[in-house]
Amino acid sequence: RNPQGPIARKESTVMKDHRIVGIHITDRATHAGEVQTILSKFGKNIRTRLGLHDVNEDSASPNGLIILEAVGTNQEIDALSDELRGLKGIQVQSMFFSHPQ
C-alpha cells in the first residue's frame, strides 16, 4: 500500500497553477472550423475542454463559448490565445489560479 494515498503522483505531474482560457465565438457556423484547427494544433496544451451554446427546440445559438483548462508553458498558452485572437469574431479571456507554495 502506498503511504501517500491511493492516487500518488510524481512531483513533475503535480499541477502548480491553473490557467483557464475562455473563448467566445460569434457565428459558430462560420468560425468553428478555424477554431478547431487551432485547438488541434495546441492539443497537447489542453487538459479539459467544455463547449457551451444555447439550444432551443428549433435551432442552436449562432454564438458559443469554449472553456479550456490549459497546461504547458506560459509561452505555449499565450501562443494559443494569440492565434485565436487573430480570428475575426473570436474573443479570448484568461484566468489564473495559483496554489500557495
N, C-alpha and C. Protein backbone atom coordinates (compact mmCIF):
# COMPACT_ATOMS: atom_id res chain seq x y z
N ARG A 1 0.83 -1.18 0.00
CA ARG A 1 0.00 0.00 0.00
C ARG A 1 0.87 1.25 0.00
N ASN A 2 0.49 2.20 -0.78
CA ASN A 2 1.24 3.44 -0.91
C ASN A 2 0.94 4.36 0.27
N PRO A 3 1.95 4.81 1.03
CA PRO A 3 1.70 5.66 2.19
C PRO A 3 1.19 7.06 1.83
N GLN A 4 1.33 7.46 0.58
CA GLN A 4 0.87 8.79 0.17
C GLN A 4 -0.59 8.79 -0.26
N GLY A 5 -1.24 7.67 -0.20
CA GLY A 5 -2.65 7.59 -0.59
C GLY A 5 -2.82 6.85 -1.89
N PRO A 6 -4.07 6.63 -2.27
CA PRO A 6 -4.34 5.81 -3.46
C PRO A 6 -3.97 6.47 -4.78
N ILE A 7 -3.88 7.79 -4.80
CA ILE A 7 -3.56 8.46 -6.07
C ILE A 7 -2.30 9.30 -5.88
N ALA A 8 -1.20 8.66 -5.65
CA ALA A 8 0.07 9.39 -5.52
C ALA A 8 0.56 9.77 -6.90
N ARG A 9 1.10 10.96 -7.04
CA ARG A 9 1.60 11.43 -8.33
C ARG A 9 3.06 11.79 -8.21
N LYS A 10 3.76 11.66 -9.31
CA LYS A 10 5.14 12.12 -9.35
C LYS A 10 5.14 13.64 -9.24
N GLU A 11 6.17 14.18 -8.65
CA GLU A 11 6.26 15.64 -8.47
C GLU A 11 6.13 16.39 -9.79
N SER A 12 6.67 15.85 -10.86
CA SER A 12 6.65 16.55 -12.14
C SER A 12 5.25 16.67 -12.73
N THR A 13 4.30 15.85 -12.30
CA THR A 13 2.95 15.91 -12.85
C THR A 13 1.98 16.67 -11.95
N VAL A 14 2.42 17.10 -10.78
CA VAL A 14 1.54 17.84 -9.90
C VAL A 14 1.33 19.23 -10.46
N MET A 15 0.09 19.62 -10.58
CA MET A 15 -0.21 20.92 -11.16
C MET A 15 0.04 22.01 -10.12
N LYS A 16 0.87 22.98 -10.47
CA LYS A 16 1.20 24.06 -9.55
C LYS A 16 0.24 25.22 -9.70
N ASP A 17 -0.24 25.47 -10.89
CA ASP A 17 -1.17 26.56 -11.17
C ASP A 17 -2.25 26.05 -12.12
N HIS A 18 -3.34 26.79 -12.16
CA HIS A 18 -4.41 26.51 -13.11
C HIS A 18 -4.54 27.72 -14.02
N ARG A 19 -4.64 27.48 -15.30
CA ARG A 19 -4.89 28.55 -16.26
C ARG A 19 -6.11 28.16 -17.07
N ILE A 20 -7.14 28.98 -16.99
CA ILE A 20 -8.39 28.75 -17.71
C ILE A 20 -8.46 29.75 -18.84
N VAL A 21 -8.77 29.26 -20.04
CA VAL A 21 -8.89 30.12 -21.21
C VAL A 21 -10.34 30.02 -21.70
N GLY A 22 -11.00 31.17 -21.77
CA GLY A 22 -12.36 31.23 -22.29
C GLY A 22 -12.35 31.78 -23.69
N ILE A 23 -13.08 31.12 -24.58
CA ILE A 23 -13.12 31.53 -25.99
C ILE A 23 -14.59 31.77 -26.36
N HIS A 24 -14.93 33.01 -26.67
CA HIS A 24 -16.28 33.36 -27.11
C HIS A 24 -16.27 33.43 -28.63
N ILE A 25 -17.15 32.65 -29.24
CA ILE A 25 -17.20 32.55 -30.69
C ILE A 25 -18.53 33.12 -31.18
N THR A 26 -18.46 34.12 -32.05
CA THR A 26 -19.67 34.60 -32.70
C THR A 26 -19.76 33.91 -34.05
N ASP A 27 -20.94 33.65 -34.48
CA ASP A 27 -21.18 32.96 -35.75
C ASP A 27 -20.42 31.64 -35.82
N ARG A 28 -20.83 30.71 -34.94
CA ARG A 28 -20.16 29.42 -34.84
C ARG A 28 -20.07 28.69 -36.18
N ALA A 29 -21.11 28.78 -36.98
CA ALA A 29 -21.11 28.07 -38.27
C ALA A 29 -19.96 28.51 -39.16
N THR A 30 -19.61 29.79 -39.08
CA THR A 30 -18.52 30.32 -39.91
C THR A 30 -17.15 30.05 -39.30
N HIS A 31 -17.01 30.21 -37.97
CA HIS A 31 -15.70 30.20 -37.34
C HIS A 31 -15.30 28.89 -36.66
N ALA A 32 -16.22 27.95 -36.52
CA ALA A 32 -15.92 26.73 -35.76
C ALA A 32 -14.75 25.95 -36.36
N GLY A 33 -14.67 25.85 -37.66
CA GLY A 33 -13.59 25.10 -38.30
C GLY A 33 -12.23 25.71 -38.04
N GLU A 34 -12.15 27.03 -38.13
CA GLU A 34 -10.88 27.72 -37.87
C GLU A 34 -10.44 27.55 -36.42
N VAL A 35 -11.41 27.67 -35.50
CA VAL A 35 -11.10 27.50 -34.08
C VAL A 35 -10.63 26.07 -33.82
N GLN A 36 -11.32 25.10 -34.39
CA GLN A 36 -10.95 23.70 -34.18
C GLN A 36 -9.55 23.41 -34.70
N THR A 37 -9.18 23.99 -35.82
CA THR A 37 -7.83 23.79 -36.36
C THR A 37 -6.77 24.27 -35.37
N ILE A 38 -6.99 25.43 -34.78
CA ILE A 38 -6.03 25.97 -33.81
C ILE A 38 -6.02 25.11 -32.54
N LEU A 39 -7.19 24.71 -32.05
CA LEU A 39 -7.24 23.86 -30.85
C LEU A 39 -6.53 22.53 -31.10
N SER A 40 -6.67 21.97 -32.27
CA SER A 40 -5.97 20.71 -32.60
C SER A 40 -4.46 20.91 -32.63
N LYS A 41 -4.02 22.04 -33.16
CA LYS A 41 -2.59 22.35 -33.21
C LYS A 41 -1.99 22.40 -31.80
N PHE A 42 -2.76 22.90 -30.83
CA PHE A 42 -2.29 23.03 -29.45
C PHE A 42 -2.90 21.96 -28.55
N GLY A 43 -3.25 20.83 -29.11
CA GLY A 43 -3.92 19.77 -28.36
C GLY A 43 -3.16 19.31 -27.13
N LYS A 44 -1.84 19.30 -27.17
CA LYS A 44 -1.05 18.86 -26.01
C LYS A 44 -1.13 19.85 -24.85
N ASN A 45 -1.66 21.05 -25.11
CA ASN A 45 -1.78 22.08 -24.08
C ASN A 45 -3.19 22.20 -23.52
N ILE A 46 -4.07 21.27 -23.89
CA ILE A 46 -5.45 21.31 -23.44
C ILE A 46 -5.74 20.07 -22.61
N ARG A 47 -5.93 20.26 -21.31
CA ARG A 47 -6.26 19.15 -20.42
C ARG A 47 -7.77 18.89 -20.43
N THR A 48 -8.57 19.97 -20.38
CA THR A 48 -10.02 19.85 -20.33
C THR A 48 -10.63 20.87 -21.28
N ARG A 49 -11.70 20.46 -21.96
CA ARG A 49 -12.39 21.35 -22.89
C ARG A 49 -13.89 21.20 -22.67
N LEU A 50 -14.57 22.34 -22.53
CA LEU A 50 -16.01 22.35 -22.33
C LEU A 50 -16.62 23.34 -23.31
N GLY A 51 -17.56 22.89 -24.10
CA GLY A 51 -18.23 23.75 -25.07
C GLY A 51 -19.66 24.04 -24.64
N LEU A 52 -20.05 25.30 -24.71
CA LEU A 52 -21.39 25.73 -24.29
C LEU A 52 -22.04 26.57 -25.39
N HIS A 53 -23.32 26.32 -25.64
CA HIS A 53 -24.11 27.19 -26.50
C HIS A 53 -25.58 26.96 -26.18
N ASP A 54 -26.39 27.97 -26.44
CA ASP A 54 -27.83 27.86 -26.18
C ASP A 54 -28.48 27.01 -27.25
N VAL A 55 -29.43 26.20 -26.83
CA VAL A 55 -30.19 25.37 -27.75
C VAL A 55 -31.66 25.52 -27.40
N ASN A 56 -32.50 25.68 -28.42
CA ASN A 56 -33.94 25.64 -28.20
C ASN A 56 -34.52 24.58 -29.12
N GLU A 57 -35.81 24.47 -29.15
CA GLU A 57 -36.44 23.40 -29.94
C GLU A 57 -36.18 23.54 -31.43
N ASP A 58 -35.97 24.76 -31.90
CA ASP A 58 -35.83 25.00 -33.33
C ASP A 58 -34.40 24.98 -33.83
N SER A 59 -33.47 25.52 -33.04
CA SER A 59 -32.10 25.62 -33.54
C SER A 59 -31.13 25.90 -32.40
N ALA A 60 -29.86 25.81 -32.73
CA ALA A 60 -28.80 26.14 -31.78
C ALA A 60 -28.42 27.61 -31.95
N SER A 61 -27.89 28.19 -30.89
CA SER A 61 -27.45 29.58 -30.92
C SER A 61 -26.30 29.74 -31.91
N PRO A 62 -26.24 30.88 -32.60
CA PRO A 62 -25.11 31.11 -33.50
C PRO A 62 -23.81 31.40 -32.74
N ASN A 63 -23.91 31.72 -31.45
CA ASN A 63 -22.74 32.03 -30.64
C ASN A 63 -22.40 30.86 -29.73
N GLY A 64 -21.15 30.78 -29.30
CA GLY A 64 -20.76 29.70 -28.41
C GLY A 64 -19.63 30.13 -27.51
N LEU A 65 -19.41 29.34 -26.49
CA LEU A 65 -18.34 29.57 -25.53
C LEU A 65 -17.60 28.27 -25.31
N ILE A 66 -16.27 28.31 -25.39
CA ILE A 66 -15.42 27.16 -25.09
C ILE A 66 -14.57 27.53 -23.90
N ILE A 67 -14.53 26.65 -22.92
CA ILE A 67 -13.69 26.85 -21.74
C ILE A 67 -12.62 25.77 -21.74
N LEU A 68 -11.36 26.20 -21.65
CA LEU A 68 -10.23 25.27 -21.66
C LEU A 68 -9.50 25.32 -20.33
N GLU A 69 -9.07 24.16 -19.85
CA GLU A 69 -8.08 24.08 -18.78
C GLU A 69 -6.77 23.85 -19.51
N ALA A 70 -5.93 24.87 -19.55
CA ALA A 70 -4.70 24.84 -20.34
C ALA A 70 -3.51 24.40 -19.50
N VAL A 71 -2.60 23.66 -20.12
CA VAL A 71 -1.37 23.22 -19.47
C VAL A 71 -0.20 23.52 -20.40
N GLY A 72 0.98 23.61 -19.83
CA GLY A 72 2.17 23.90 -20.61
C GLY A 72 2.79 25.19 -20.14
N THR A 73 3.72 25.66 -20.91
CA THR A 73 4.40 26.90 -20.55
C THR A 73 3.49 28.09 -20.84
N ASN A 74 3.79 29.20 -20.19
CA ASN A 74 3.03 30.42 -20.47
C ASN A 74 3.18 30.82 -21.93
N GLN A 75 4.36 30.59 -22.50
CA GLN A 75 4.59 30.94 -23.90
C GLN A 75 3.69 30.12 -24.82
N GLU A 76 3.54 28.82 -24.54
CA GLU A 76 2.67 27.97 -25.37
C GLU A 76 1.21 28.41 -25.27
N ILE A 77 0.76 28.68 -24.06
CA ILE A 77 -0.63 29.06 -23.87
C ILE A 77 -0.90 30.45 -24.44
N ASP A 78 0.07 31.34 -24.31
CA ASP A 78 -0.06 32.67 -24.92
C ASP A 78 -0.12 32.55 -26.45
N ALA A 79 0.66 31.65 -27.02
CA ALA A 79 0.63 31.45 -28.47
C ALA A 79 -0.74 30.94 -28.92
N LEU A 80 -1.32 30.01 -28.17
CA LEU A 80 -2.67 29.52 -28.46
C LEU A 80 -3.66 30.67 -28.43
N SER A 81 -3.62 31.45 -27.35
CA SER A 81 -4.55 32.58 -27.20
C SER A 81 -4.36 33.61 -28.31
N ASP A 82 -3.12 33.91 -28.65
CA ASP A 82 -2.83 34.90 -29.70
C ASP A 82 -3.35 34.44 -31.06
N GLU A 83 -3.18 33.16 -31.37
CA GLU A 83 -3.69 32.66 -32.67
C GLU A 83 -5.21 32.76 -32.72
N LEU A 84 -5.86 32.42 -31.61
CA LEU A 84 -7.31 32.52 -31.57
C LEU A 84 -7.76 33.98 -31.71
N ARG A 85 -7.06 34.89 -31.04
CA ARG A 85 -7.41 36.31 -31.12
C ARG A 85 -7.24 36.86 -32.54
N GLY A 86 -6.42 36.21 -33.33
CA GLY A 86 -6.21 36.64 -34.71
C GLY A 86 -7.39 36.34 -35.63
N LEU A 87 -8.35 35.57 -35.15
CA LEU A 87 -9.53 35.24 -35.95
C LEU A 87 -10.61 36.29 -35.73
N LYS A 88 -11.30 36.65 -36.78
CA LYS A 88 -12.42 37.58 -36.68
C LYS A 88 -13.57 36.91 -35.92
N GLY A 89 -14.21 37.67 -35.03
CA GLY A 89 -15.37 37.14 -34.31
C GLY A 89 -15.03 36.28 -33.11
N ILE A 90 -13.77 36.31 -32.66
CA ILE A 90 -13.33 35.50 -31.52
C ILE A 90 -12.83 36.42 -30.42
N GLN A 91 -13.29 36.19 -29.21
CA GLN A 91 -12.81 36.92 -28.04
C GLN A 91 -12.20 35.89 -27.09
N VAL A 92 -11.02 36.20 -26.54
CA VAL A 92 -10.31 35.28 -25.65
C VAL A 92 -10.02 35.98 -24.33
N GLN A 93 -10.31 35.30 -23.22
CA GLN A 93 -10.01 35.79 -21.88
C GLN A 93 -9.32 34.68 -21.10
N SER A 94 -8.45 35.04 -20.16
CA SER A 94 -7.74 34.04 -19.34
C SER A 94 -7.92 34.34 -17.87
N MET A 95 -7.90 33.27 -17.08
CA MET A 95 -7.92 33.36 -15.62
C MET A 95 -6.77 32.51 -15.09
N PHE A 96 -6.13 32.99 -14.04
CA PHE A 96 -5.02 32.26 -13.40
C PHE A 96 -5.36 32.00 -11.96
N PHE A 97 -5.05 30.79 -11.50
CA PHE A 97 -5.21 30.42 -10.11
C PHE A 97 -3.90 29.78 -9.67
N SER A 98 -3.27 30.35 -8.66
CA SER A 98 -2.00 29.81 -8.15
C SER A 98 -2.21 29.14 -6.80
N HIS A 99 -1.53 28.04 -6.61
CA HIS A 99 -1.55 27.34 -5.32
C HIS A 99 -0.45 27.91 -4.43
N PRO A 100 -0.74 28.12 -3.16
CA PRO A 100 0.32 28.59 -2.26
C PRO A 100 1.45 27.58 -2.20
N GLN A 101 2.66 28.07 -2.11
CA GLN A 101 3.84 27.20 -2.04
C GLN A 101 4.09 26.72 -0.64
